[in-house]
Amino acid sequence: MTIANFTPWSALAGGAILGAAAALTWWGLGRIAGVSNIFGRLLTLDRGHWGWRLAFVAGLFIVGVVAKLGFGEHIAFELNGGAWQMLLAGLLVGYGTQLGNGCTSGHGVCGIGRLSPRSIVATVCFMVTGAIAVFALRQGGLL
């Protein structure tokens, strides 16, 4: 097995940017930069801190659009499933983030950075479950 598209410098830069954004959100607002919680709170009737949450989610979208427009030839995106699979996957991820009281960005980036035992356990569970799922799908010929 070879890793044909391993790009350590862009991965390192991306990780540093994510870490800096998480730290700035924590130090500047006293909030955890967990995307599922930030987005989920926008969907509730609770309007406390609504402005920064909307700016955060809008920033995620805008950066994605700018990256695709500016660097589209370097960004590979392939949707292997159909719309129903994407909808089901989104619903399962949303359910999982509610069940796990957070998402991988909240637990993996922010929680581990704060040395939260709950986040460390959650991240280990995410990684083990992901590895098992990939193994099972590859053995079944789906990947």
Protein backbone atom coordinates (compact mmCIF):
# COMPACT_ATOMS: atom_id res chain seq x y z
CA MET A 1 0.00 0.00 0.00
CA THR A 2 1.45 3.35 -1.02
CA ILE A 3 0.38 6.82 -0.10
CA ALA A 4 0.48 8.60 -3.46
CA ASN A 5 -0.91 11.97 -2.43
CA PHE A 6 0.70 12.52 0.96
CA THR A 7 1.16 16.27 1.39
CA PRO A 8 2.76 16.93 4.77
CA TRP A 9 3.25 20.69 4.36
CA SER A 10 -0.33 21.50 3.43
CA ALA A 11 -1.55 19.13 6.16
CA LEU A 12 0.71 20.84 8.69
CA ALA A 13 -0.47 24.29 7.59
CA GLY A 14 -4.11 23.22 7.75
CA GLY A 15 -3.65 21.77 11.23
CA ALA A 16 -1.92 24.93 12.43
CA ILE A 17 -4.73 27.10 11.08
CA LEU A 18 -7.38 24.91 12.74
CA GLY A 19 -5.48 24.98 16.02
CA ALA A 20 -5.07 28.75 15.88
CA ALA A 21 -8.78 29.24 15.12
CA ALA A 22 -9.75 26.98 18.02
CA ALA A 23 -7.38 28.81 20.37
CA LEU A 24 -8.62 32.24 19.26
CA THR A 25 -12.26 31.20 19.73
CA TRP A 26 -11.43 29.88 23.21
CA TRP A 27 -9.28 32.84 24.30
CA GLY A 28 -11.27 35.55 22.52
CA LEU A 29 -14.84 34.41 23.19
CA GLY A 30 -14.43 31.83 25.92
CA ARG A 31 -16.19 29.34 23.61
CA ILE A 32 -15.26 25.95 22.22
CA ALA A 33 -15.02 25.91 18.42
CA GLY A 34 -17.04 22.71 18.01
CA VAL A 35 -18.82 23.06 14.71
CA SER A 36 -21.81 20.84 15.56
CA ASN A 37 -22.60 22.84 18.69
CA ILE A 38 -22.11 26.19 16.99
CA PHE A 39 -24.30 25.21 14.04
CA GLY A 40 -26.84 23.40 16.21
CA ARG A 41 -27.38 26.45 18.41
CA LEU A 42 -28.18 28.49 15.30
CA LEU A 43 -31.13 26.16 14.68
CA THR A 44 -32.67 26.65 18.14
CA LEU A 45 -34.79 29.51 19.42
CA ASP A 46 -32.02 30.48 21.84
CA ARG A 47 -30.57 33.65 20.30
CA GLY A 48 -27.80 34.13 22.86
CA HIS A 49 -24.49 34.73 21.11
CA TRP A 50 -26.26 34.29 17.78
CA GLY A 51 -24.10 36.84 15.93
CA TRP A 52 -20.72 35.20 16.41
CA ARG A 53 -22.20 31.76 15.70
CA LEU A 54 -23.63 32.98 12.40
CA ALA A 55 -20.31 34.65 11.52
CA PHE A 56 -18.43 31.42 12.31
CA VAL A 57 -20.67 29.23 10.13
CA ALA A 58 -20.76 31.83 7.32
CA GLY A 59 -16.95 31.99 7.47
CA LEU A 60 -16.73 28.21 6.97
CA PHE A 61 -18.93 28.46 3.89
CA ILE A 62 -17.20 31.54 2.47
CA VAL A 63 -13.71 30.09 2.90
CA GLY A 64 -14.84 26.94 1.10
CA VAL A 65 -16.21 28.95 -1.82
CA VAL A 66 -13.11 31.16 -2.01
CA ALA A 67 -10.82 28.11 -1.88
CA LYS A 68 -12.74 26.41 -4.67
CA LEU A 69 -12.77 29.56 -6.82
CA GLY A 70 -9.12 30.42 -6.18
CA PHE A 71 -7.58 26.97 -6.03
CA GLY A 72 -10.20 24.78 -7.71
CA GLU A 73 -7.71 22.95 -9.89
CA HIS A 74 -5.89 21.80 -6.73
CA ILE A 75 -9.00 20.71 -4.83
CA ALA A 76 -10.23 17.24 -5.67
CA PHE A 77 -13.80 16.41 -4.72
CA GLU A 78 -15.65 13.31 -5.75
CA LEU A 79 -19.10 12.36 -4.55
CA ASN A 80 -19.35 8.59 -4.86
CA GLY A 81 -22.87 8.30 -3.48
CA GLY A 82 -26.14 9.86 -4.45
CA ALA A 83 -28.22 12.54 -2.78
CA TRP A 84 -30.02 10.02 -0.56
CA GLN A 85 -26.75 8.60 0.74
CA MET A 86 -25.50 12.10 1.45
CA LEU A 87 -28.72 12.99 3.28
CA LEU A 88 -28.58 9.79 5.33
CA ALA A 89 -24.91 10.35 6.15
CA GLY A 90 -25.64 13.92 7.28
CA LEU A 91 -28.49 12.76 9.52
CA LEU A 92 -26.33 10.02 11.04
CA VAL A 93 -23.51 12.48 11.69
CA GLY A 94 -25.96 14.92 13.29
CA TYR A 95 -27.39 12.17 15.48
CA GLY A 96 -23.90 10.99 16.41
CA THR A 97 -22.78 14.46 17.43
CA GLN A 98 -25.81 14.76 19.70
CA LEU A 99 -25.17 11.29 21.12
CA GLY A 100 -21.46 12.03 21.66
CA ASN A 101 -22.14 15.55 22.95
CA GLY A 102 -19.94 17.04 20.24
CA CYS A 103 -18.17 16.39 16.98
CA THR A 104 -14.62 15.54 16.01
CA SER A 105 -13.63 19.20 15.85
CA GLY A 106 -15.05 19.90 19.29
CA HIS A 107 -13.58 16.83 20.95
CA GLY A 108 -10.52 16.13 18.80
CA VAL A 109 -9.17 19.62 18.26
CA CYS A 110 -10.58 21.66 21.12
CA GLY A 111 -11.15 19.06 23.84
CA ILE A 112 -7.78 17.35 23.55
CA GLY A 113 -6.15 20.80 23.43
CA ARG A 114 -7.78 21.50 26.82
CA LEU A 115 -6.76 18.01 28.08
CA SER A 116 -10.42 17.05 28.61
CA PRO A 117 -10.61 13.36 29.61
CA ARG A 118 -14.10 13.08 28.09
CA SER A 119 -12.83 14.44 24.78
CA ILE A 120 -9.83 12.14 24.76
CA VAL A 121 -12.10 9.11 25.26
CA ALA A 122 -14.56 10.38 22.64
CA THR A 123 -11.78 10.95 20.09
CA VAL A 124 -10.35 7.47 20.67
CA CYS A 125 -13.86 6.06 20.12
CA PHE A 126 -14.25 8.09 16.89
CA MET A 127 -10.93 6.83 15.55
CA VAL A 128 -11.49 3.18 16.48
CA THR A 129 -15.02 3.20 15.05
CA GLY A 130 -13.77 4.84 11.85
CA ALA A 131 -11.00 2.26 11.47
CA ILE A 132 -13.45 -0.60 12.01
CA ALA A 133 -15.89 0.89 9.49
CA VAL A 134 -13.18 1.30 6.83
CA PHE A 135 -11.91 -2.23 7.45
CA ALA A 136 -15.43 -3.69 7.21
CA LEU A 137 -16.28 -1.72 4.06
CA ARG A 138 -13.01 -2.69 2.36
CA GLN A 139 -13.48 -6.34 3.24
CA GLY A 140 -17.01 -6.17 1.83
CA GLY A 141 -15.73 -4.64 -1.40
CA LEU A 142 -17.53 -1.33 -0.93
CA LEU A 143 -14.33 0.76 -0.82
